[in-house]
């Protein structure tokens, strides 16, 4: 049984390895080296192994006996399924929030859009993606259903790497920003149907762009 200190170390290593996967620093082409990770983080291989087991259970890596640990590729069918679930849940949440968002909430979302615009002007896909996540997270957290929030977070994590690559393609950051702007404007008008429609078009467009590669 792991001690509290060991669990804390494993949790920390888990988060760091997950970041490496999501940023594309670990690829599916070659096995993940436990020795490399142990040296990089300055720890023993035990918490590395525990973290990799957890990532295997969550679908981020595959542990293949006698071959090693590999970053798991996302299939076309998984992209479709993930976006179908996101569309259903995020549209529901946005519609539910239409009449409950305060001026402070709307101001916070405006600030997020300003940071998105700053990132796209710098052509910084990673910074833009962070703000894109925060934009969608704001609705989840404000709605306050922890199960929906955790579920959506896990779904998005599964396709994080390919989402960043999509944003690097010419015109996509500008397109996402304008779609986010239309969602916010509909919410300012307290137009639930309009906000739902804009979210639907935004997520379906993201799904189509990912599937086109």
C-alpha atoms as a PDB file:
ATOM      1  CA  UNK A   1       0.000   0.000   0.000  1.00  0.00           C
ATOM      2  CA  UNK A   2       1.295   3.458  -0.919  1.00  0.00           C
ATOM      3  CA  UNK A   3       1.865   5.998   1.840  1.00  0.00           C
ATOM      4  CA  UNK A   4       0.322   9.482   1.579  1.00  0.00           C
ATOM      5  CA  UNK A   5       3.694  10.885   0.548  1.00  0.00           C
ATOM      6  CA  UNK A   6       4.096   8.239  -2.170  1.00  0.00           C
ATOM      7  CA  UNK A   7       0.565   8.893  -3.462  1.00  0.00           C
ATOM      8  CA  UNK A   8       1.275  12.634  -3.599  1.00  0.00           C
ATOM      9  CA  UNK A   9       4.468  11.994  -5.581  1.00  0.00           C
ATOM     10  CA  UNK A  10       2.631   9.649  -7.957  1.00  0.00           C
ATOM     11  CA  UNK A  11      -0.139  12.230  -8.467  1.00  0.00           C
ATOM     12  CA  UNK A  12       2.436  14.912  -9.266  1.00  0.00           C
ATOM     13  CA  UNK A  13       4.303  12.671 -11.723  1.00  0.00           C
ATOM     14  CA  UNK A  14       0.995  11.626 -13.302  1.00  0.00           C
ATOM     15  CA  UNK A  15       0.156  15.278 -14.032  1.00  0.00           C
ATOM     16  CA  UNK A  16       3.617  15.967 -15.488  1.00  0.00           C
ATOM     17  CA  UNK A  17       3.603  12.907 -17.767  1.00  0.00           C
ATOM     18  CA  UNK A  18       0.078  13.757 -18.878  1.00  0.00           C
ATOM     19  CA  UNK A  19       1.249  17.263 -19.839  1.00  0.00           C
ATOM     20  CA  UNK A  20       4.080  15.789 -21.907  1.00  0.00           C
ATOM     21  CA  UNK A  21       1.566  13.596 -23.754  1.00  0.00           C
ATOM     22  CA  UNK A  22      -0.909  16.419 -24.342  1.00  0.00           C
ATOM     23  CA  UNK A  23       1.816  18.744 -25.625  1.00  0.00           C
ATOM     24  CA  UNK A  24       3.038  16.086 -28.018  1.00  0.00           C
ATOM     25  CA  UNK A  25       6.439  15.743 -26.335  1.00  0.00           C
ATOM     26  CA  UNK A  26       5.864  12.003 -26.013  1.00  0.00           C
ATOM     27  CA  UNK A  27       4.770  10.351 -29.256  1.00  0.00           C
ATOM     28  CA  UNK A  28       3.142   7.043 -30.114  1.00  0.00           C
ATOM     29  CA  UNK A  29       6.049   6.080 -32.376  1.00  0.00           C
ATOM     30  CA  UNK A  30       8.445   4.941 -29.654  1.00  0.00           C
ATOM     31  CA  UNK A  31       8.020   3.356 -26.201  1.00  0.00           C
ATOM     32  CA  UNK A  32       7.974   5.686 -23.205  1.00  0.00           C
ATOM     33  CA  UNK A  33      11.230   5.251 -21.296  1.00  0.00           C
ATOM     34  CA  UNK A  34      10.785   4.914 -17.530  1.00  0.00           C
ATOM     35  CA  UNK A  35      14.502   5.644 -17.112  1.00  0.00           C
ATOM     36  CA  UNK A  36      14.216   8.867 -19.123  1.00  0.00           C
ATOM     37  CA  UNK A  37      11.237  10.050 -17.058  1.00  0.00           C
ATOM     38  CA  UNK A  38      12.917   9.084 -13.777  1.00  0.00           C
ATOM     39  CA  UNK A  39      16.000  11.106 -14.726  1.00  0.00           C
ATOM     40  CA  UNK A  40      13.934  14.031 -16.002  1.00  0.00           C
ATOM     41  CA  UNK A  41      11.928  14.308 -12.785  1.00  0.00           C
ATOM     42  CA  UNK A  42      14.761  13.238 -10.467  1.00  0.00           C
ATOM     43  CA  UNK A  43      12.814  10.413  -8.831  1.00  0.00           C
ATOM     44  CA  UNK A  44      12.780   6.612  -8.707  1.00  0.00           C
ATOM     45  CA  UNK A  45      10.941   4.509 -11.268  1.00  0.00           C
ATOM     46  CA  UNK A  46       8.254   3.372  -8.791  1.00  0.00           C
ATOM     47  CA  UNK A  47       6.041   6.500  -8.968  1.00  0.00           C
ATOM     48  CA  UNK A  48       6.655   6.579 -12.734  1.00  0.00           C
ATOM     49  CA  UNK A  49       5.238   3.053 -13.059  1.00  0.00           C
ATOM     50  CA  UNK A  50       2.240   3.886 -10.868  1.00  0.00           C
ATOM     51  CA  UNK A  51       1.508   7.031 -12.894  1.00  0.00           C
ATOM     52  CA  UNK A  52       1.741   5.097 -16.171  1.00  0.00           C
ATOM     53  CA  UNK A  53      -0.691   2.467 -14.848  1.00  0.00           C
ATOM     54  CA  UNK A  54      -3.183   5.233 -14.081  1.00  0.00           C
ATOM     55  CA  UNK A  55      -2.698   6.777 -17.538  1.00  0.00           C
ATOM     56  CA  UNK A  56      -3.282   3.333 -19.051  1.00  0.00           C
ATOM     57  CA  UNK A  57      -6.571   2.986 -17.154  1.00  0.00           C
ATOM     58  CA  UNK A  58      -7.663   6.432 -18.396  1.00  0.00           C
ATOM     59  CA  UNK A  59      -6.801   5.639 -22.007  1.00  0.00           C
ATOM     60  CA  UNK A  60      -3.822   7.955 -22.511  1.00  0.00           C
ATOM     61  CA  UNK A  61      -1.244   5.177 -22.909  1.00  0.00           C
ATOM     62  CA  UNK A  62      -1.175   1.453 -23.706  1.00  0.00           C
ATOM     63  CA  UNK A  63       0.927  -0.943 -21.634  1.00  0.00           C
ATOM     64  CA  UNK A  64       1.899  -3.830 -23.926  1.00  0.00           C
ATOM     65  CA  UNK A  65       3.590  -6.789 -22.173  1.00  0.00           C
ATOM     66  CA  UNK A  66       7.166  -7.410 -23.354  1.00  0.00           C
ATOM     67  CA  UNK A  67       7.027  -4.325 -25.610  1.00  0.00           C
ATOM     68  CA  UNK A  68       6.625  -1.299 -23.376  1.00  0.00           C
ATOM     69  CA  UNK A  69       4.356   1.675 -22.778  1.00  0.00           C
ATOM     70  CA  UNK A  70       3.101   3.689 -25.755  1.00  0.00           C
ATOM     71  CA  UNK A  71       1.105   6.896 -26.114  1.00  0.00           C
ATOM     72  CA  UNK A  72      -2.317   5.873 -27.366  1.00  0.00           C
ATOM     73  CA  UNK A  73      -3.438   7.240 -30.739  1.00  0.00           C
ATOM     74  CA  UNK A  74      -6.964   8.640 -30.958  1.00  0.00           C
ATOM     75  CA  UNK A  75      -9.135   6.955 -33.578  1.00  0.00           C
ATOM     76  CA  UNK A  76     -11.612   8.687 -35.883  1.00  0.00           C
ATOM     77  CA  UNK A  77     -14.504   6.931 -34.135  1.00  0.00           C
ATOM     78  CA  UNK A  78     -13.294   8.211 -30.745  1.00  0.00           C
ATOM     79  CA  UNK A  79     -13.123  11.799 -32.023  1.00  0.00           C
ATOM     80  CA  UNK A  80     -16.718  11.485 -33.257  1.00  0.00           C
ATOM     81  CA  UNK A  81     -17.940   9.978 -29.981  1.00  0.00           C
ATOM     82  CA  UNK A  82     -16.112  12.537 -27.827  1.00  0.00           C
ATOM     83  CA  UNK A  83     -17.540  15.460 -29.779  1.00  0.00           C
ATOM     84  CA  UNK A  84     -21.049  13.999 -29.807  1.00  0.00           C
ATOM     85  CA  UNK A  85     -20.951  13.862 -26.003  1.00  0.00           C
ATOM     86  CA  UNK A  86     -19.441  17.342 -25.708  1.00  0.00           C
ATOM     87  CA  UNK A  87     -22.098  18.791 -28.006  1.00  0.00           C
ATOM     88  CA  UNK A  88     -24.956  17.300 -25.973  1.00  0.00           C
ATOM     89  CA  UNK A  89     -23.585  18.329 -22.571  1.00  0.00           C
ATOM     90  CA  UNK A  90     -22.139  21.748 -23.368  1.00  0.00           C
ATOM     91  CA  UNK A  91     -25.244  22.876 -25.245  1.00  0.00           C
ATOM     92  CA  UNK A  92     -27.366  21.815 -22.266  1.00  0.00           C
ATOM     93  CA  UNK A  93     -25.150  23.732 -19.822  1.00  0.00           C
ATOM     94  CA  UNK A  94     -25.075  26.931 -21.907  1.00  0.00           C
ATOM     95  CA  UNK A  95     -28.857  26.919 -22.271  1.00  0.00           C
ATOM     96  CA  UNK A  96     -29.309  26.382 -18.524  1.00  0.00           C
ATOM     97  CA  UNK A  97     -27.005  29.332 -17.777  1.00  0.00           C
ATOM     98  CA  UNK A  98     -28.714  31.794 -20.135  1.00  0.00           C
ATOM     99  CA  UNK A  99     -30.674  33.641 -17.461  1.00  0.00           C
ATOM    100  CA  UNK A 100     -28.301  33.116 -14.544  1.00  0.00           C
ATOM    101  CA  UNK A 101     -24.984  34.599 -15.712  1.00  0.00           C
ATOM    102  CA  UNK A 102     -24.186  37.820 -13.854  1.00  0.00           C
ATOM    103  CA  UNK A 103     -22.407  40.918 -15.171  1.00  0.00           C
ATOM    104  CA  UNK A 104     -19.310  39.685 -13.352  1.00  0.00           C
ATOM    105  CA  UNK A 105     -19.565  36.393 -15.247  1.00  0.00           C
ATOM    106  CA  UNK A 106     -19.922  38.175 -18.578  1.00  0.00           C
ATOM    107  CA  UNK A 107     -16.981  40.442 -17.738  1.00  0.00           C
ATOM    108  CA  UNK A 108     -14.851  37.405 -16.874  1.00  0.00           C
ATOM    109  CA  UNK A 109     -15.720  35.848 -20.237  1.00  0.00           C
ATOM    110  CA  UNK A 110     -14.866  39.136 -21.993  1.00  0.00           C
ATOM    111  CA  UNK A 111     -11.471  39.048 -20.301  1.00  0.00           C
ATOM    112  CA  UNK A 112     -10.974  35.513 -21.547  1.00  0.00           C
ATOM    113  CA  UNK A 113     -11.800  36.567 -25.124  1.00  0.00           C
ATOM    114  CA  UNK A 114      -9.294  39.416 -24.836  1.00  0.00           C
ATOM    115  CA  UNK A 115      -6.584  36.927 -23.844  1.00  0.00           C
ATOM    116  CA  UNK A 116      -7.595  34.663 -26.727  1.00  0.00           C
ATOM    117  CA  UNK A 117      -7.232  37.599 -29.115  1.00  0.00           C
ATOM    118  CA  UNK A 118      -3.816  38.434 -27.689  1.00  0.00           C
ATOM    119  CA  UNK A 119      -2.693  34.832 -28.223  1.00  0.00           C
ATOM    120  CA  UNK A 120      -3.925  34.687 -31.819  1.00  0.00           C
ATOM    121  CA  UNK A 121      -2.212  38.007 -32.634  1.00  0.00           C
ATOM    122  CA  UNK A 122       1.013  36.426 -31.376  1.00  0.00           C
ATOM    123  CA  UNK A 123       0.186  33.240 -33.324  1.00  0.00           C
ATOM    124  CA  UNK A 124       0.605  31.289 -30.062  1.00  0.00           C
ATOM    125  CA  UNK A 125      -1.521  28.156 -30.453  1.00  0.00           C
ATOM    126  CA  UNK A 126      -0.619  26.805 -26.996  1.00  0.00           C
ATOM    127  CA  UNK A 127      -1.657  30.014 -25.207  1.00  0.00           C
ATOM    128  CA  UNK A 128      -4.823  30.233 -27.298  1.00  0.00           C
ATOM    129  CA  UNK A 129      -5.693  26.640 -26.478  1.00  0.00           C
ATOM    130  CA  UNK A 130      -5.294  27.322 -22.751  1.00  0.00           C
ATOM    131  CA  UNK A 131      -7.755  30.218 -22.995  1.00  0.00           C
ATOM    132  CA  UNK A 132     -10.087  28.149 -25.188  1.00  0.00           C
ATOM    133  CA  UNK A 133     -10.214  25.510 -22.454  1.00  0.00           C
ATOM    134  CA  UNK A 134     -10.835  28.162 -19.803  1.00  0.00           C
ATOM    135  CA  UNK A 135     -13.695  29.614 -21.868  1.00  0.00           C
ATOM    136  CA  UNK A 136     -15.493  26.263 -21.955  1.00  0.00           C
ATOM    137  CA  UNK A 137     -14.484  25.448 -18.361  1.00  0.00           C
ATOM    138  CA  UNK A 138     -16.117  28.664 -17.153  1.00  0.00           C
ATOM    139  CA  UNK A 139     -19.557  27.438 -18.186  1.00  0.00           C
ATOM    140  CA  UNK A 140     -19.021  24.021 -16.601  1.00  0.00           C
ATOM    141  CA  UNK A 141     -17.782  25.442 -13.293  1.00  0.00           C
ATOM    142  CA  UNK A 142     -20.468  28.122 -13.156  1.00  0.00           C
ATOM    143  CA  UNK A 143     -23.193  25.551 -13.752  1.00  0.00           C
ATOM    144  CA  UNK A 144     -21.765  23.650 -10.805  1.00  0.00           C
ATOM    145  CA  UNK A 145     -22.345  20.006 -11.701  1.00  0.00           C
ATOM    146  CA  UNK A 146     -19.064  18.341 -10.697  1.00  0.00           C
ATOM    147  CA  UNK A 147     -19.856  15.103 -12.542  1.00  0.00           C
ATOM    148  CA  UNK A 148     -20.419  16.925 -15.841  1.00  0.00           C
ATOM    149  CA  UNK A 149     -17.273  19.018 -15.305  1.00  0.00           C
ATOM    150  CA  UNK A 150     -15.073  15.993 -14.605  1.00  0.00           C
ATOM    151  CA  UNK A 151     -16.563  14.022 -17.492  1.00  0.00           C
ATOM    152  CA  UNK A 152     -16.060  16.835 -20.016  1.00  0.00           C
ATOM    153  CA  UNK A 153     -12.522  17.474 -18.748  1.00  0.00           C
ATOM    154  CA  UNK A 154     -11.581  13.839 -19.280  1.00  0.00           C
ATOM    155  CA  UNK A 155     -13.116  13.805 -22.766  1.00  0.00           C
ATOM    156  CA  UNK A 156     -11.220  16.926 -23.821  1.00  0.00           C
ATOM    157  CA  UNK A 157      -7.960  15.638 -22.390  1.00  0.00           C
ATOM    158  CA  UNK A 158      -8.176  12.611 -24.683  1.00  0.00           C
ATOM    159  CA  UNK A 159      -7.937  14.827 -27.792  1.00  0.00           C
ATOM    160  CA  UNK A 160      -5.869  17.694 -26.393  1.00  0.00           C
ATOM    161  CA  UNK A 161      -2.803  17.080 -28.542  1.00  0.00           C
ATOM    162  CA  UNK A 162      -4.655  16.990 -31.854  1.00  0.00           C
ATOM    163  CA  UNK A 163      -6.702  20.049 -30.841  1.00  0.00           C
ATOM    164  CA  UNK A 164      -3.512  22.081 -30.431  1.00  0.00           C
ATOM    165  CA  UNK A 165      -2.261  20.913 -33.822  1.00  0.00           C
ATOM    166  CA  UNK A 166      -5.564  21.941 -35.399  1.00  0.00           C
ATOM    167  CA  UNK A 167      -5.223  25.445 -33.945  1.00  0.00           C
ATOM    168  CA  UNK A 168      -1.832  25.795 -35.618  1.00  0.00           C
ATOM    169  CA  UNK A 169      -3.489  25.580 -39.032  1.00  0.00           C
ATOM    170  CA  UNK A 170      -3.984  28.995 -40.724  1.00  0.00           C
ATOM    171  CA  UNK A 171      -7.212  30.768 -39.821  1.00  0.00           C
ATOM    172  CA  UNK A 172      -8.414  28.358 -37.137  1.00  0.00           C
ATOM    173  CA  UNK A 173      -7.611  30.533 -34.113  1.00  0.00           C
ATOM    174  CA  UNK A 174      -9.442  33.474 -35.709  1.00  0.00           C
ATOM    175  CA  UNK A 175     -12.392  31.210 -36.480  1.00  0.00           C
ATOM    176  CA  UNK A 176     -12.574  29.849 -32.926  1.00  0.00           C
ATOM    177  CA  UNK A 177     -12.323  33.355 -31.470  1.00  0.00           C
ATOM    178  CA  UNK A 178     -15.201  34.638 -33.616  1.00  0.00           C
ATOM    179  CA  UNK A 179     -17.331  31.624 -32.667  1.00  0.00           C
ATOM    180  CA  UNK A 180     -16.643  32.233 -28.972  1.00  0.00           C
ATOM    181  CA  UNK A 181     -17.582  35.902 -29.484  1.00  0.00           C
ATOM    182  CA  UNK A 182     -20.947  34.931 -30.977  1.00  0.00           C
ATOM    183  CA  UNK A 183     -21.667  32.569 -28.068  1.00  0.00           C
ATOM    184  CA  UNK A 184     -20.953  35.351 -25.583  1.00  0.00           C
ATOM    185  CA  UNK A 185     -23.041  37.911 -27.477  1.00  0.00           C
ATOM    186  CA  UNK A 186     -26.027  35.545 -27.459  1.00  0.00           C
ATOM    187  CA  UNK A 187     -25.614  35.091 -23.698  1.00  0.00           C
ATOM    188  CA  UNK A 188     -25.484  38.869 -23.226  1.00  0.00           C
ATOM    189  CA  UNK A 189     -28.849  39.080 -24.993  1.00  0.00           C
ATOM    190  CA  UNK A 190     -30.122  36.233 -22.770  1.00  0.00           C
ATOM    191  CA  UNK A 191     -30.909  34.375 -25.979  1.00  0.00           C
ATOM    192  CA  UNK A 192     -30.850  30.740 -24.907  1.00  0.00           C
ATOM    193  CA  UNK A 193     -31.738  29.335 -28.322  1.00  0.00           C
ATOM    194  CA  UNK A 194     -29.133  31.541 -29.972  1.00  0.00           C
ATOM    195  CA  UNK A 195     -26.398  30.578 -27.497  1.00  0.00           C
ATOM    196  CA  UNK A 196     -27.227  26.887 -27.950  1.00  0.00           C
ATOM    197  CA  UNK A 197     -27.144  27.263 -31.744  1.00  0.00           C
ATOM    198  CA  UNK A 198     -23.770  29.055 -31.637  1.00  0.00           C
ATOM    199  CA  UNK A 199     -22.290  26.415 -29.321  1.00  0.00           C
ATOM    200  CA  UNK A 200     -23.641  23.677 -31.586  1.00  0.00           C
ATOM    201  CA  UNK A 201     -22.037  25.229 -34.677  1.00  0.00           C
ATOM    202  CA  UNK A 202     -18.777  25.861 -32.813  1.00  0.00           C
ATOM    203  CA  UNK A 203     -18.374  22.290 -31.568  1.00  0.00           C
ATOM    204  CA  UNK A 204     -19.591  20.658 -34.780  1.00  0.00           C
ATOM    205  CA  UNK A 205     -17.161  22.831 -36.718  1.00  0.00           C
ATOM    206  CA  UNK A 206     -14.319  21.770 -34.425  1.00  0.00           C
ATOM    207  CA  UNK A 207     -15.290  18.132 -34.906  1.00  0.00           C
ATOM    208  CA  UNK A 208     -15.284  18.480 -38.709  1.00  0.00           C
ATOM    209  CA  UNK A 209     -11.922  20.277 -38.751  1.00  0.00           C
ATOM    210  CA  UNK A 210     -10.356  17.572 -36.581  1.00  0.00           C
ATOM    211  CA  UNK A 211     -11.716  14.793 -38.768  1.00  0.00           C
ATOM    212  CA  UNK A 212     -10.378  16.510 -41.888  1.00  0.00           C
ATOM    213  CA  UNK A 213      -6.952  16.501 -40.212  1.00  0.00           C
END
